[in-house]
Amino acid sequence: MAAYPELGREVSARGTISYRVRPLGDPLPYWVWYAYDAADKGGVVSLLMLLHQAQDRERFDPTRFDD
């Protein structure tokens, strides 16, 4: 994911920070929520949350994990 951070679906953005979600993949039923600065191509990809697909993802606000 660090090499291609834009693979996930963007769920929110704040300035150049892109908040994204991506399924972890079979056979694991998890979603990875992460953020990265689109203006910093070699920058850090931050893991925000790992949720099971049965959890309530609609109420999750990825921006509350900002420093």
Protein backbone atom coordinates (compact mmCIF):
# COMPACT_ATOMS: atom_id res chain seq x y z
CA MET A 1 0.00 0.00 0.00
CA ALA A 2 2.87 2.40 0.70
CA ALA A 3 4.05 2.18 -2.92
CA TYR A 4 0.55 2.88 -4.32
CA PRO A 5 -1.42 4.74 -1.66
CA GLU A 6 -4.10 5.83 -4.14
CA LEU A 7 -5.35 2.23 -4.55
CA GLY A 8 -7.99 2.63 -1.88
CA ARG A 9 -11.28 4.49 -2.29
CA GLU A 10 -11.13 8.08 -1.07
CA VAL A 11 -13.76 8.68 1.59
CA SER A 12 -12.71 12.16 2.65
CA ALA A 13 -10.07 14.82 2.07
CA ARG A 14 -8.78 17.75 4.06
CA GLY A 15 -6.48 19.94 2.01
CA THR A 16 -3.91 17.61 0.46
CA ILE A 17 -4.54 14.84 3.02
CA SER A 18 -6.50 11.97 1.47
CA TYR A 19 -8.43 9.58 3.73
CA ARG A 20 -9.01 6.20 2.12
CA VAL A 21 -10.40 2.74 2.75
CA ARG A 22 -9.43 -0.55 1.15
CA PRO A 23 -10.46 -4.17 1.74
CA LEU A 24 -7.63 -6.20 3.22
CA GLY A 25 -8.51 -9.15 1.00
CA ASP A 26 -9.59 -12.74 1.00
CA PRO A 27 -9.85 -14.66 3.21
CA LEU A 28 -9.72 -11.85 5.79
CA PRO A 29 -12.97 -9.85 6.14
CA TYR A 30 -11.35 -6.55 7.15
CA TRP A 31 -11.20 -2.96 5.88
CA VAL A 32 -8.05 -0.86 6.24
CA TRP A 33 -8.58 2.88 6.78
CA TYR A 34 -5.51 5.02 6.07
CA ALA A 35 -4.37 8.54 5.19
CA TYR A 36 -1.56 10.10 3.22
CA ASP A 37 -0.53 13.50 1.91
CA ALA A 38 -1.16 13.48 -1.86
CA ALA A 39 1.29 16.40 -2.26
CA ASP A 40 4.12 14.34 -0.71
CA LYS A 41 4.58 11.41 -3.12
CA GLY A 42 7.28 9.77 -1.02
CA GLY A 43 5.57 10.53 2.27
CA VAL A 44 4.19 8.43 5.06
CA VAL A 45 1.03 6.34 4.78
CA SER A 46 -0.69 6.33 8.18
CA LEU A 47 -2.84 3.41 9.28
CA LEU A 48 -5.92 4.85 10.99
CA MET A 49 -8.13 1.87 11.73
CA LEU A 50 -8.64 -1.79 10.94
CA LEU A 51 -12.32 -2.75 11.01
CA HIS A 52 -14.17 -6.01 10.46
CA GLN A 53 -16.58 -5.83 7.54
CA ALA A 54 -19.53 -6.36 9.93
CA GLN A 55 -18.66 -3.26 12.00
CA ASP A 56 -20.46 0.05 11.49
CA ARG A 57 -18.19 1.80 8.99
CA GLU A 58 -20.68 4.57 8.21
CA ARG A 59 -20.12 6.24 11.60
CA PHE A 60 -16.33 6.14 11.37
CA ASP A 61 -14.74 9.59 10.89
CA PRO A 62 -11.12 9.13 9.76
CA THR A 63 -10.27 12.80 10.32
CA ARG A 64 -10.52 12.47 14.10
CA PHE A 65 -7.21 10.58 14.07
CA ASP A 66 -5.22 13.58 12.83
CA ASP A 67 -2.38 14.79 15.04
